[in-house]
Amino acid sequence: MSIGLRLLDLTREWHILAYPDPLGAREPLIKVSVRRRASAKTDVKDLREFLSRLHGTDVGIFVSLSGFTKPAEDHARQEQRRIRLIDLRSLADLWIQHYDRVPTEDRVLLPLRQLHFLVLPEST
């Protein structure tokens, strides 16, 4: 399956646009916005602004490395449109889960090293 993907300048409203075909003619359109704030969590106002740009069958993915306020998370859960909130922990979990499928040249963005632990039998 071939998908279309367009990475946009970070000053635009969408940072990533993805679609199920290379021409972008089929739905749904996946719109991704990334916030890299150091301290302030993303609030309901930011989430509503993001949601206002989703139309029809669009799927929204909102990445906020500083996380989301509880009201923003609650609002997203109640939202009828398809939206996924991803904080730093979720991003790391997804990266680890799908790391084997990430192209080798892209793994340099967030390289992982496997760590092994010795598990000793429990004494009774």
PDB file of N, CA and C in Angstrom:
ATOM      1  N   MET A   1       0.837  -1.176   0.000  1.00  0.00           N
ATOM      2  CA  MET A   1       0.000   0.000   0.000  1.00  0.00           C
ATOM      3  C   MET A   1       0.886   1.245   0.000  1.00  0.00           C
ATOM      4  N   SER A   2       0.605   2.134  -0.899  1.00  0.00           N
ATOM      5  CA  SER A   2       1.375   3.360  -1.024  1.00  0.00           C
ATOM      6  C   SER A   2       0.595   4.508  -0.395  1.00  0.00           C
ATOM      7  N   ILE A   3       1.283   5.343   0.391  1.00  0.00           N
ATOM      8  CA  ILE A   3       0.626   6.493   0.991  1.00  0.00           C
ATOM      9  C   ILE A   3       1.309   7.766   0.529  1.00  0.00           C
ATOM     10  N   GLY A   4       0.592   8.859   0.663  1.00  0.00           N
ATOM     11  CA  GLY A   4       1.184  10.165   0.374  1.00  0.00           C
ATOM     12  C   GLY A   4       1.546  10.822   1.690  1.00  0.00           C
ATOM     13  N   LEU A   5       2.652  11.527   1.703  1.00  0.00           N
ATOM     14  CA  LEU A   5       3.111  12.172   2.926  1.00  0.00           C
ATOM     15  C   LEU A   5       3.770  13.484   2.555  1.00  0.00           C
ATOM     16  N   ARG A   6       3.400  14.530   3.286  1.00  0.00           N
ATOM     17  CA  ARG A   6       4.003  15.832   3.040  1.00  0.00           C
ATOM     18  C   ARG A   6       4.403  16.438   4.374  1.00  0.00           C
ATOM     19  N   LEU A   7       5.672  16.730   4.535  1.00  0.00           N
ATOM     20  CA  LEU A   7       6.160  17.407   5.732  1.00  0.00           C
ATOM     21  C   LEU A   7       6.157  18.898   5.441  1.00  0.00           C
ATOM     22  N   LEU A   8       5.595  19.653   6.373  1.00  0.00           N
ATOM     23  CA  LEU A   8       5.444  21.080   6.153  1.00  0.00           C
ATOM     24  C   LEU A   8       6.359  21.873   7.065  1.00  0.00           C
ATOM     25  N   ASP A   9       6.582  23.094   6.716  1.00  0.00           N
ATOM     26  CA  ASP A   9       7.340  24.021   7.545  1.00  0.00           C
ATOM     27  C   ASP A   9       6.637  24.170   8.892  1.00  0.00           C
ATOM     28  N   LEU A  10       7.381  24.235   9.979  1.00  0.00           N
ATOM     29  CA  LEU A  10       6.789  24.298  11.309  1.00  0.00           C
ATOM     30  C   LEU A  10       6.027  25.590  11.572  1.00  0.00           C
ATOM     31  N   THR A  11       6.113  26.573  10.690  1.00  0.00           N
ATOM     32  CA  THR A  11       5.355  27.799  10.892  1.00  0.00           C
ATOM     33  C   THR A  11       3.942  27.692  10.317  1.00  0.00           C
ATOM     34  N   ARG A  12       3.640  26.620   9.621  1.00  0.00           N
ATOM     35  CA  ARG A  12       2.309  26.452   9.042  1.00  0.00           C
ATOM     36  C   ARG A  12       1.390  25.780  10.039  1.00  0.00           C
ATOM     37  N   GLU A  13       0.092  25.728   9.697  1.00  0.00           N
ATOM     38  CA  GLU A  13      -0.873  25.165  10.636  1.00  0.00           C
ATOM     39  C   GLU A  13      -0.769  23.646  10.761  1.00  0.00           C
ATOM     40  N   TRP A  14      -0.298  22.974   9.743  1.00  0.00           N
ATOM     41  CA  TRP A  14      -0.110  21.518   9.812  1.00  0.00           C
ATOM     42  C   TRP A  14       1.362  21.225   9.631  1.00  0.00           C
ATOM     43  N   HIS A  15       1.865  20.319  10.406  1.00  0.00           N
ATOM     44  CA  HIS A  15       3.267  19.950  10.300  1.00  0.00           C
ATOM     45  C   HIS A  15       3.449  18.736   9.412  1.00  0.00           C
ATOM     46  N   ILE A  16       2.445  17.856   9.427  1.00  0.00           N
ATOM     47  CA  ILE A  16       2.481  16.663   8.575  1.00  0.00           C
ATOM     48  C   ILE A  16       1.084  16.442   8.017  1.00  0.00           C
ATOM     49  N   LEU A  17       0.998  16.177   6.725  1.00  0.00           N
ATOM     50  CA  LEU A  17      -0.243  15.758   6.082  1.00  0.00           C
ATOM     51  C   LEU A  17       0.012  14.393   5.463  1.00  0.00           C
ATOM     52  N   ALA A  18      -0.865  13.463   5.732  1.00  0.00           N
ATOM     53  CA  ALA A  18      -0.728  12.129   5.152  1.00  0.00           C
ATOM     54  C   ALA A  18      -2.073  11.706   4.585  1.00  0.00           C
ATOM     55  N   TYR A  19      -2.022  10.930   3.509  1.00  0.00           N
ATOM     56  CA  TYR A  19      -3.250  10.475   2.865  1.00  0.00           C
ATOM     57  C   TYR A  19      -3.021   9.069   2.343  1.00  0.00           C
ATOM     58  N   PRO A  20      -4.122   8.315   2.138  1.00  0.00           N
ATOM     59  CA  PRO A  20      -3.976   6.897   1.772  1.00  0.00           C
ATOM     60  C   PRO A  20      -3.463   6.640   0.362  1.00  0.00           C
ATOM     61  N   ASP A  21      -3.369   7.666  -0.483  1.00  0.00           N
ATOM     62  CA  ASP A  21      -2.853   7.475  -1.836  1.00  0.00           C
ATOM     63  C   ASP A  21      -1.815   8.545  -2.146  1.00  0.00           C
ATOM     64  N   PRO A  22      -0.908   8.280  -3.053  1.00  0.00           N
ATOM     65  CA  PRO A  22       0.183   9.225  -3.341  1.00  0.00           C
ATOM     66  C   PRO A  22      -0.280  10.594  -3.843  1.00  0.00           C
ATOM     67  N   LEU A  23      -1.461  10.678  -4.454  1.00  0.00           N
ATOM     68  CA  LEU A  23      -1.944  11.949  -4.990  1.00  0.00           C
ATOM     69  C   LEU A  23      -2.755  12.756  -3.984  1.00  0.00           C
ATOM     70  N   GLY A  24      -3.162  12.148  -2.896  1.00  0.00           N
ATOM     71  CA  GLY A  24      -3.980  12.853  -1.916  1.00  0.00           C
ATOM     72  C   GLY A  24      -5.416  13.021  -2.347  1.00  0.00           C
ATOM     73  N   ALA A  25      -5.890  12.134  -3.213  1.00  0.00           N
ATOM     74  CA  ALA A  25      -7.242  12.247  -3.754  1.00  0.00           C
ATOM     75  C   ALA A  25      -8.278  11.483  -2.929  1.00  0.00           C
ATOM     76  N   ARG A  26      -7.829  10.540  -2.116  1.00  0.00           N
ATOM     77  CA  ARG A  26      -8.767   9.732  -1.325  1.00  0.00           C
ATOM     78  C   ARG A  26      -8.754  10.176   0.126  1.00  0.00           C
ATOM     79  N   GLU A  27      -9.867   9.932   0.785  1.00  0.00           N
ATOM     80  CA  GLU A  27      -9.981  10.236   2.207  1.00  0.00           C
ATOM     81  C   GLU A  27      -9.635   8.993   3.008  1.00  0.00           C
ATOM     82  N   PRO A  28      -9.295   9.102   4.275  1.00  0.00           N
ATOM     83  CA  PRO A  28      -9.236  10.321   5.070  1.00  0.00           C
ATOM     84  C   PRO A  28      -7.872  11.005   4.955  1.00  0.00           C
ATOM     85  N   LEU A  29      -7.882  12.281   5.202  1.00  0.00           N
ATOM     86  CA  LEU A  29      -6.650  13.057   5.295  1.00  0.00           C
ATOM     87  C   LEU A  29      -6.230  13.036   6.759  1.00  0.00           C
ATOM     88  N   ILE A  30      -4.981  12.734   7.021  1.00  0.00           N
ATOM     89  CA  ILE A  30      -4.463  12.700   8.389  1.00  0.00           C
ATOM     90  C   ILE A  30      -3.663  13.972   8.605  1.00  0.00           C
ATOM     91  N   LYS A  31      -4.099  14.764   9.583  1.00  0.00           N
ATOM     92  CA  LYS A  31      -3.452  16.042   9.868  1.00  0.00           C
ATOM     93  C   LYS A  31      -2.765  15.941  11.219  1.00  0.00           C
ATOM     94  N   VAL A  32      -1.474  16.265  11.219  1.00  0.00           N
ATOM     95  CA  VAL A  32      -0.671  16.151  12.440  1.00  0.00           C
ATOM     96  C   VAL A  32      -0.124  17.529  12.794  1.00  0.00           C
ATOM     97  N   SER A  33      -0.275  17.882  14.056  1.00  0.00           N
ATOM     98  CA  SER A  33       0.324  19.110  14.569  1.00  0.00           C
ATOM     99  C   SER A  33       1.237  18.730  15.719  1.00  0.00           C
ATOM    100  N   VAL A  34       2.419  19.343  15.762  1.00  0.00           N
ATOM    101  CA  VAL A  34       3.412  19.025  16.786  1.00  0.00           C
ATOM    102  C   VAL A  34       3.736  20.282  17.578  1.00  0.00           C
ATOM    103  N   ARG A  35       3.635  20.168  18.900  1.00  0.00           N
ATOM    104  CA  ARG A  35       4.008  21.268  19.793  1.00  0.00           C
ATOM    105  C   ARG A  35       5.207  20.818  20.602  1.00  0.00           C
ATOM    106  N   ARG A  36       6.251  21.638  20.612  1.00  0.00           N
ATOM    107  CA  ARG A  36       7.475  21.278  21.335  1.00  0.00           C
ATOM    108  C   ARG A  36       7.761  22.243  22.470  1.00  0.00           C
ATOM    109  N   ARG A  37       6.754  22.635  23.177  1.00  0.00           N
ATOM    110  CA  ARG A  37       6.944  23.551  24.310  1.00  0.00           C
ATOM    111  C   ARG A  37       7.719  22.852  25.414  1.00  0.00           C
ATOM    112  N   ALA A  38       8.552  23.606  26.088  1.00  0.00           N
ATOM    113  CA  ALA A  38       9.385  23.029  27.148  1.00  0.00           C
ATOM    114  C   ALA A  38       8.609  22.799  28.442  1.00  0.00           C
ATOM    115  N   SER A  39       7.673  23.682  28.772  1.00  0.00           N
ATOM    116  CA  SER A  39       7.059  23.554  30.090  1.00  0.00           C
ATOM    117  C   SER A  39       5.538  23.543  30.073  1.00  0.00           C
ATOM    118  N   ALA A  40       4.908  24.470  29.385  1.00  0.00           N
ATOM    119  CA  ALA A  40       3.453  24.601  29.451  1.00  0.00           C
ATOM    120  C   ALA A  40       2.749  23.476  28.699  1.00  0.00           C
ATOM    121  N   LYS A  41       1.831  22.815  29.400  1.00  0.00           N
ATOM    122  CA  LYS A  41       1.045  21.767  28.760  1.00  0.00           C
ATOM    123  C   LYS A  41       0.049  22.388  27.792  1.00  0.00           C
ATOM    124  N   THR A  42      -0.334  21.625  26.785  1.00  0.00           N
ATOM    125  CA  THR A  42      -1.306  22.085  25.807  1.00  0.00           C
ATOM    126  C   THR A  42      -2.680  22.098  26.461  1.00  0.00           C
ATOM    127  N   ASP A  43      -3.384  23.227  26.307  1.00  0.00           N
ATOM    128  CA  ASP A  43      -4.671  23.387  26.974  1.00  0.00           C
ATOM    129  C   ASP A  43      -5.833  23.239  25.988  1.00  0.00           C
ATOM    130  N   VAL A  44      -7.058  23.396  26.518  1.00  0.00           N
ATOM    131  CA  VAL A  44      -8.276  23.237  25.717  1.00  0.00           C
ATOM    132  C   VAL A  44      -8.316  24.236  24.569  1.00  0.00           C
ATOM    133  N   LYS A  45      -7.856  25.458  24.803  1.00  0.00           N
ATOM    134  CA  LYS A  45      -7.858  26.479  23.745  1.00  0.00           C
ATOM    135  C   LYS A  45      -7.053  26.003  22.538  1.00  0.00           C
ATOM    136  N   ASP A  46      -5.857  25.485  22.774  1.00  0.00           N
ATOM    137  CA  ASP A  46      -5.024  24.971  21.680  1.00  0.00           C
ATOM    138  C   ASP A  46      -5.692  23.783  20.996  1.00  0.00           C
ATOM    139  N   LEU A  47      -6.305  22.920  21.781  1.00  0.00           N
ATOM    140  CA  LEU A  47      -6.973  21.747  21.221  1.00  0.00           C
ATOM    141  C   LEU A  47      -8.156  22.169  20.353  1.00  0.00           C
ATOM    142  N   ARG A  48      -8.944  23.115  20.814  1.00  0.00           N
ATOM    143  CA  ARG A  48     -10.098  23.586  20.023  1.00  0.00           C
ATOM    144  C   ARG A  48      -9.641  24.221  18.715  1.00  0.00           C
ATOM    145  N   GLU A  49      -8.527  24.959  18.762  1.00  0.00           N
ATOM    146  CA  GLU A  49      -7.981  25.554  17.547  1.00  0.00           C
ATOM    147  C   GLU A  49      -7.589  24.457  16.551  1.00  0.00           C
ATOM    148  N   PHE A  50      -6.954  23.412  17.057  1.00  0.00           N
ATOM    149  CA  PHE A  50      -6.579  22.267  16.223  1.00  0.00           C
ATOM    150  C   PHE A  50      -7.826  21.601  15.636  1.00  0.00           C
ATOM    151  N   LEU A  51      -8.833  21.371  16.469  1.00  0.00           N
ATOM    152  CA  LEU A  51     -10.055  20.701  16.029  1.00  0.00           C
ATOM    153  C   LEU A  51     -10.805  21.515  14.977  1.00  0.00           C
ATOM    154  N   SER A  52     -10.694  22.834  15.047  1.00  0.00           N
ATOM    155  CA  SER A  52     -11.408  23.682  14.090  1.00  0.00           C
ATOM    156  C   SER A  52     -10.880  23.497  12.673  1.00  0.00           C
ATOM    157  N   ARG A  53      -9.716  22.911  12.539  1.00  0.00           N
ATOM    158  CA  ARG A  53      -9.119  22.708  11.217  1.00  0.00           C
ATOM    159  C   ARG A  53      -9.348  21.300  10.666  1.00  0.00           C
ATOM    160  N   LEU A  54     -10.058  20.469  11.436  1.00  0.00           N
ATOM    161  CA  LEU A  54     -10.409  19.139  10.947  1.00  0.00           C
ATOM    162  C   LEU A  54     -11.771  19.218  10.269  1.00  0.00           C
ATOM    163  N   HIS A  55     -11.888  18.598   9.092  1.00  0.00           N
ATOM    164  CA  HIS A  55     -13.134  18.653   8.336  1.00  0.00           C
ATOM    165  C   HIS A  55     -13.503  17.261   7.848  1.00  0.00           C
ATOM    166  N   GLY A  56     -14.794  16.996   7.773  1.00  0.00           N
ATOM    167  CA  GLY A  56     -15.287  15.740   7.221  1.00  0.00           C
ATOM    168  C   GLY A  56     -14.686  14.527   7.889  1.00  0.00           C
ATOM    169  N   THR A  57     -14.009  13.713   7.087  1.00  0.00           N
ATOM    170  CA  THR A  57     -13.433  12.460   7.597  1.00  0.00           C
ATOM    171  C   THR A  57     -11.981  12.604   8.043  1.00  0.00           C
ATOM    172  N   ASP A  58     -11.492  13.836   8.151  1.00  0.00           N
ATOM    173  CA  ASP A  58     -10.110  14.055   8.589  1.00  0.00           C
ATOM    174  C   ASP A  58      -9.839  13.355   9.920  1.00  0.00           C
ATOM    175  N   VAL A  59      -8.617  12.890  10.063  1.00  0.00           N
ATOM    176  CA  VAL A  59      -8.145  12.306  11.316  1.00  0.00           C
ATOM    177  C   VAL A  59      -7.087  13.258  11.875  1.00  0.00           C
ATOM    178  N   GLY A  60      -7.209  13.598  13.150  1.00  0.00           N
ATOM    179  CA  GLY A  60      -6.268  14.518  13.760  1.00  0.00           C
ATOM    180  C   GLY A  60      -5.349  13.820  14.740  1.00  0.00           C
ATOM    181  N   ILE A  61      -4.072  14.126  14.656  1.00  0.00           N
ATOM    182  CA  ILE A  61      -3.082  13.641  15.614  1.00  0.00           C
ATOM    183  C   ILE A  61      -2.381  14.875  16.165  1.00  0.00           C
ATOM    184  N   PHE A  62      -2.512  15.077  17.468  1.00  0.00           N
ATOM    185  CA  PHE A  62      -1.941  16.253  18.125  1.00  0.00           C
ATOM    186  C   PHE A  62      -0.831  15.760  19.043  1.00  0.00           C
ATOM    187  N   VAL A  63       0.403  16.133  18.719  1.00  0.00           N
ATOM    188  CA  VAL A  63       1.569  15.725  19.503  1.00  0.00           C
ATOM    189  C   VAL A  63       2.017  16.927  20.333  1.00  0.00           C
ATOM    190  N   SER A  64       2.082  16.736  21.642  1.00  0.00           N
ATOM    191  CA  SER A  64       2.559  17.786  22.541  1.00  0.00           C
ATOM    192  C   SER A  64       3.567  17.160  23.490  1.00  0.00           C
ATOM    193  N   LEU A  65       4.834  17.488  23.302  1.00  0.00           N
ATOM    194  CA  LEU A  65       5.882  16.862  24.105  1.00  0.00           C
ATOM    195  C   LEU A  65       5.781  17.224  25.580  1.00  0.00           C
ATOM    196  N   SER A  66       5.149  18.356  25.906  1.00  0.00           N
ATOM    197  CA  SER A  66       4.977  18.720  27.312  1.00  0.00           C
ATOM    198  C   SER A  66       3.691  18.152  27.901  1.00  0.00           C
ATOM    199  N   GLY A  67       2.892  17.477  27.088  1.00  0.00           N
ATOM    200  CA  GLY A  67       1.667  16.861  27.571  1.00  0.00           C
ATOM    201  C   GLY A  67       0.454  17.755  27.400  1.00  0.00           C
ATOM    202  N   PHE A  68      -0.660  17.332  27.989  1.00  0.00           N
ATOM    203  CA  PHE A  68      -1.941  18.002  27.855  1.00  0.00           C
ATOM    204  C   PHE A  68      -2.541  18.236  29.236  1.00  0.00           C
ATOM    205  N   THR A  69      -3.272  19.319  29.371  1.00  0.00           N
ATOM    206  CA  THR A  69      -3.975  19.548  30.631  1.00  0.00           C
ATOM    207  C   THR A  69      -5.120  18.542  30.727  1.00  0.00           C
ATOM    208  N   LYS A  70      -5.589  18.285  31.935  1.00  0.00           N
ATOM    209  CA  LYS A  70      -6.706  17.353  32.126  1.00  0.00           C
ATOM    210  C   LYS A  70      -7.945  17.815  31.367  1.00  0.00           C
ATOM    211  N   PRO A  71      -8.304  19.111  31.413  1.00  0.00           N
ATOM    212  CA  PRO A  71      -9.457  19.542  30.615  1.00  0.00           C
ATOM    213  C   PRO A  71      -9.287  19.274  29.110  1.00  0.00           C
ATOM    214  N   ALA A  72      -8.074  19.414  28.596  1.00  0.00           N
ATOM    215  CA  ALA A  72      -7.838  19.130  27.171  1.00  0.00           C
ATOM    216  C   ALA A  72      -8.022  17.635  26.894  1.00  0.00           C
ATOM    217  N   GLU A  73      -7.505  16.778  27.770  1.00  0.00           N
ATOM    218  CA  GLU A  73      -7.691  15.328  27.603  1.00  0.00           C
ATOM    219  C   GLU A  73      -9.166  14.960  27.674  1.00  0.00           C
ATOM    220  N   ASP A  74      -9.898  15.547  28.628  1.00  0.00           N
ATOM    221  CA  ASP A  74     -11.334  15.288  28.756  1.00  0.00           C
ATOM    222  C   ASP A  74     -12.081  15.726  27.501  1.00  0.00           C
ATOM    223  N   HIS A  75     -11.734  16.894  26.975  1.00  0.00           N
ATOM    224  CA  HIS A  75     -12.378  17.411  25.770  1.00  0.00           C
ATOM    225  C   HIS A  75     -12.133  16.471  24.579  1.00  0.00           C
ATOM    226  N   ALA A  76     -10.914  15.974  24.451  1.00  0.00           N
ATOM    227  CA  ALA A  76     -10.585  15.063  23.344  1.00  0.00           C
ATOM    228  C   ALA A  76     -11.378  13.762  23.456  1.00  0.00           C
ATOM    229  N   ARG A  77     -11.561  13.265  24.679  1.00  0.00           N
ATOM    230  CA  ARG A  77     -12.338  12.027  24.875  1.00  0.00           C
ATOM    231  C   ARG A  77     -13.803  12.206  24.480  1.00  0.00           C
ATOM    232  N   GLN A  78     -14.333  13.390  24.679  1.00  0.00           N
ATOM    233  CA  GLN A  78     -15.738  13.658  24.365  1.00  0.00           C
ATOM    234  C   GLN A  78     -15.954  14.047  22.904  1.00  0.00           C
ATOM    235  N   GLU A  79     -14.881  14.321  22.210  1.00  0.00           N
ATOM    236  CA  GLU A  79     -14.944  14.788  20.824  1.00  0.00           C
ATOM    237  C   GLU A  79     -15.469  13.687  19.904  1.00  0.00           C
ATOM    238  N   GLN A  80     -16.348  14.064  18.969  1.00  0.00           N
ATOM    239  CA  GLN A  80     -16.917  13.116  18.008  1.00  0.00           C
ATOM    240  C   GLN A  80     -15.969  12.826  16.842  1.00  0.00           C
ATOM    241  N   ARG A  81     -15.133  13.805  16.517  1.00  0.00           N
ATOM    242  CA  ARG A  81     -14.181  13.589  15.423  1.00  0.00           C
ATOM    243  C   ARG A  81     -13.053  12.681  15.879  1.00  0.00           C
ATOM    244  N   ARG A  82     -12.396  12.045  14.908  1.00  0.00           N
ATOM    245  CA  ARG A  82     -11.294  11.128  15.241  1.00  0.00           C
ATOM    246  C   ARG A  82     -10.035  11.933  15.531  1.00  0.00           C
ATOM    247  N   ILE A  83      -9.599  11.854  16.780  1.00  0.00           N
ATOM    248  CA  ILE A  83      -8.422  12.588  17.206  1.00  0.00           C
ATOM    249  C   ILE A  83      -7.625  11.732  18.179  1.00  0.00           C
ATOM    250  N   ARG A  84      -6.317  11.861  18.109  1.00  0.00           N
ATOM    251  CA  ARG A  84      -5.427  11.143  19.026  1.00  0.00           C
ATOM    252  C   ARG A  84      -4.457  12.144  19.622  1.00  0.00           C
ATOM    253  N   LEU A  85      -4.366  12.145  20.940  1.00  0.00           N
ATOM    254  CA  LEU A  85      -3.400  12.992  21.636  1.00  0.00           C
ATOM    255  C   LEU A  85      -2.175  12.149  21.966  1.00  0.00           C
ATOM    256  N   ILE A  86      -0.998  12.686  21.676  1.00  0.00           N
ATOM    257  CA  ILE A  86       0.244  11.960  21.933  1.00  0.00           C
ATOM    258  C   ILE A  86       1.173  12.866  22.722  1.00  0.00           C
ATOM    259  N   ASP A  87       1.513  12.421  23.937  1.00  0.00           N
ATOM    260  CA  ASP A  87       2.484  13.157  24.750  1.00  0.00           C
ATOM    261  C   ASP A  87       3.843  12.473  24.602  1.00  0.00           C
ATOM    262  N   LEU A  88       4.832  12.950  25.331  1.00  0.00           N
ATOM    263  CA  LEU A  88       6.185  12.411  25.191  1.00  0.00           C
ATOM    264  C   LEU A  88       6.244  10.920  25.520  1.00  0.00           C
ATOM    265  N   ARG A  89       5.561  10.500  26.593  1.00  0.00           N
ATOM    266  CA  ARG A  89       5.561   9.083  26.967  1.00  0.00           C
ATOM    267  C   ARG A  89       4.910   8.224  25.877  1.00  0.00           C
ATOM    268  N   SER A  90       3.783   8.682  25.342  1.00  0.00           N
ATOM    269  CA  SER A  90       3.106   7.942  24.270  1.00  0.00           C
ATOM    270  C   SER A  90       3.975   7.869  23.017  1.00  0.00           C
ATOM    271  N   LEU A  91       4.649   8.987  22.701  1.00  0.00           N
ATOM    272  CA  LEU A  91       5.537   9.004  21.542  1.00  0.00           C
ATOM    273  C   LEU A  91       6.667   7.996  21.714  1.00  0.00           C
ATOM    274  N   ALA A  92       7.264   7.960  22.902  1.00  0.00           N
ATOM    275  CA  ALA A  92       8.336   6.994  23.170  1.00  0.00           C
ATOM    276  C   ALA A  92       7.813   5.562  23.075  1.00  0.00           C
ATOM    277  N   ASP A  93       6.643   5.303  23.637  1.00  0.00           N
ATOM    278  CA  ASP A  93       6.058   3.958  23.564  1.00  0.00           C
ATOM    279  C   ASP A  93       5.804   3.532  22.119  1.00  0.00           C
ATOM    280  N   LEU A  94       5.261   4.455  21.309  1.00  0.00           N
ATOM    281  CA  LEU A  94       5.005   4.151  19.900  1.00  0.00           C
ATOM    282  C   LEU A  94       6.308   3.914  19.139  1.00  0.00           C
ATOM    283  N   TRP A  95       7.325   4.725  19.436  1.00  0.00           N
ATOM    284  CA  TRP A  95       8.627   4.574  18.772  1.00  0.00           C
ATOM    285  C   TRP A  95       9.226   3.206  19.081  1.00  0.00           C
ATOM    286  N   ILE A  96       9.172   2.809  20.344  1.00  0.00           N
ATOM    287  CA  ILE A  96       9.701   1.491  20.747  1.00  0.00           C
ATOM    288  C   ILE A  96       8.903   0.370  20.101  1.00  0.00           C
ATOM    289  N   GLN A  97       7.588   0.491  20.129  1.00  0.00           N
ATOM    290  CA  GLN A  97       6.708  -0.548  19.582  1.00  0.00           C
ATOM    291  C   GLN A  97       6.932  -0.768  18.085  1.00  0.00           C
ATOM    292  N   HIS A  98       7.193   0.300  17.343  1.00  0.00           N
ATOM    293  CA  HIS A  98       7.301   0.201  15.880  1.00  0.00           C
ATOM    294  C   HIS A  98       8.733   0.366  15.367  1.00  0.00           C
ATOM    295  N   TYR A  99       9.704   0.360  16.253  1.00  0.00           N
ATOM    296  CA  TYR A  99      11.101   0.630  15.890  1.00  0.00           C
ATOM    297  C   TYR A  99      11.618  -0.318  14.805  1.00  0.00           C
ATOM    298  N   ASP A 100      11.239  -1.579  14.870  1.00  0.00           N
ATOM    299  CA  ASP A 100      11.706  -2.553  13.875  1.00  0.00           C
ATOM    300  C   ASP A 100      11.228  -2.218  12.468  1.00  0.00           C
ATOM    301  N   ARG A 101      10.133  -1.479  12.353  1.00  0.00           N
ATOM    302  CA  ARG A 101       9.583  -1.126  11.045  1.00  0.00           C
ATOM    303  C   ARG A 101      10.040   0.251  10.565  1.00  0.00           C
ATOM    304  N   VAL A 102      10.768   0.978  11.398  1.00  0.00           N
ATOM    305  CA  VAL A 102      11.286   2.295  11.006  1.00  0.00           C
ATOM    306  C   VAL A 102      12.495   2.081  10.106  1.00  0.00           C
ATOM    307  N   PRO A 103      12.538   2.759   8.956  1.00  0.00           N
ATOM    308  CA  PRO A 103      13.704   2.609   8.079  1.00  0.00           C
ATOM    309  C   PRO A 103      15.000   2.949   8.828  1.00  0.00           C
ATOM    310  N   THR A 104      16.045   2.216   8.529  1.00  0.00           N
ATOM    311  CA  THR A 104      17.325   2.368   9.210  1.00  0.00           C
ATOM    312  C   THR A 104      17.822   3.806   9.193  1.00  0.00           C
ATOM    313  N   GLU A 105      17.679   4.496   8.073  1.00  0.00           N
ATOM    314  CA  GLU A 105      18.167   5.871   7.979  1.00  0.00           C
ATOM    315  C   GLU A 105      17.382   6.837   8.877  1.00  0.00           C
ATOM    316  N   ASP A 106      16.146   6.461   9.248  1.00  0.00           N
ATOM    317  CA  ASP A 106      15.345   7.314  10.132  1.00  0.00           C
ATOM    318  C   ASP A 106      15.575   6.999  11.611  1.00  0.00           C
ATOM    319  N   ARG A 107      16.145   5.868  11.901  1.00  0.00           N
ATOM    320  CA  ARG A 107      16.380   5.494  13.300  1.00  0.00           C
ATOM    321  C   ARG A 107      17.379   6.412  13.990  1.00  0.00           C
ATOM    322  N   VAL A 108      18.187   7.126  13.235  1.00  0.00           N
ATOM    323  CA  VAL A 108      19.155   8.050  13.837  1.00  0.00           C
ATOM    324  C   VAL A 108      18.468   9.220  14.538  1.00  0.00           C
ATOM    325  N   LEU A 109      17.196   9.462  14.218  1.00  0.00           N
ATOM    326  CA  LEU A 109      16.448  10.543  14.864  1.00  0.00           C
ATOM    327  C   LEU A 109      16.265  10.277  16.357  1.00  0.00           C
ATOM    328  N   LEU A 110      15.969   9.031  16.699  1.00  0.00           N
ATOM    329  CA  LEU A 110      15.809   8.605  18.094  1.00  0.00           C
ATOM    330  C   LEU A 110      16.359   7.188  18.220  1.00  0.00           C
ATOM    331  N   PRO A 111      17.668   7.040  18.227  1.00  0.00           N
ATOM    332  CA  PRO A 111      18.240   5.693  18.262  1.00  0.00           C
ATOM    333  C   PRO A 111      17.954   4.991  19.594  1.00  0.00           C
ATOM    334  N   LEU A 112      17.724   3.703  19.510  1.00  0.00           N
ATOM    335  CA  LEU A 112      17.476   2.882  20.698  1.00  0.00           C
ATOM    336  C   LEU A 112      18.567   1.826  20.817  1.00  0.00           C
ATOM    337  N   ARG A 113      18.848   1.460  22.030  1.00  0.00           N
ATOM    338  CA  ARG A 113      19.782   0.373  22.299  1.00  0.00           C
ATOM    339  C   ARG A 113      19.062  -0.602  23.218  1.00  0.00           C
ATOM    340  N   GLN A 114      19.098  -1.875  22.838  1.00  0.00           N
ATOM    341  CA  GLN A 114      18.432  -2.890  23.640  1.00  0.00           C
ATOM    342  C   GLN A 114      19.216  -3.129  24.922  1.00  0.00           C
ATOM    343  N   LEU A 115      18.487  -3.275  26.014  1.00  0.00           N
ATOM    344  CA  LEU A 115      19.089  -3.482  27.315  1.00  0.00           C
ATOM    345  C   LEU A 115      18.550  -4.786  27.889  1.00  0.00           C
ATOM    346  N   HIS A 116      19.444  -5.649  28.348  1.00  0.00           N
ATOM    347  CA  HIS A 116      19.029  -6.943  28.882  1.00  0.00           C
ATOM    348  C   HIS A 116      19.185  -6.958  30.398  1.00  0.00           C
ATOM    349  N   PHE A 117      18.265  -7.630  31.059  1.00  0.00           N
ATOM    350  CA  PHE A 117      18.319  -7.793  32.503  1.00  0.00           C
ATOM    351  C   PHE A 117      18.380  -9.269  32.832  1.00  0.00           C
ATOM    352  N   LEU A 118      19.168  -9.616  33.794  1.00  0.00           N
ATOM    353  CA  LEU A 118      19.226 -10.969  34.275  1.00  0.00           C
ATOM    354  C   LEU A 118      18.085 -11.165  35.267  1.00  0.00           C
ATOM    355  N   VAL A 119      17.296 -12.175  35.021  1.00  0.00           N
ATOM    356  CA  VAL A 119      16.171 -12.473  35.914  1.00  0.00           C
ATOM    357  C   VAL A 119      16.539 -13.688  36.731  1.00  0.00           C
ATOM    358  N   LEU A 120      16.667 -13.477  38.019  1.00  0.00           N
ATOM    359  CA  LEU A 120      17.016 -14.568  38.920  1.00  0.00           C
ATOM    360  C   LEU A 120      15.761 -15.250  39.454  1.00  0.00           C
ATOM    361  N   PRO A 121      15.831 -16.548  39.665  1.00  0.00           N
ATOM    362  CA  PRO A 121      14.656 -17.228  40.214  1.00  0.00           C
ATOM    363  C   PRO A 121      14.340 -16.701  41.614  1.00  0.00           C
ATOM    364  N   GLU A 122      13.073 -16.593  41.903  1.00  0.00           N
ATOM    365  CA  GLU A 122      12.679 -16.126  43.232  1.00  0.00           C
ATOM    366  C   GLU A 122      12.950 -17.208  44.264  1.00  0.00           C
ATOM    367  N   SER A 123      13.470 -16.825  45.405  1.00  0.00           N
ATOM    368  CA  SER A 123      13.712 -17.794  46.461  1.00  0.00           C
ATOM    369  C   SER A 123      12.463 -17.919  47.319  1.00  0.00           C
ATOM    370  N   THR A 124      12.165 -19.141  47.707  1.00  0.00           N
ATOM    371  CA  THR A 124      10.964 -19.368  48.527  1.00  0.00           C
ATOM    372  C   THR A 124      11.297 -19.760  49.935  1.00  0.00           C
TER     373      THR A 124
END
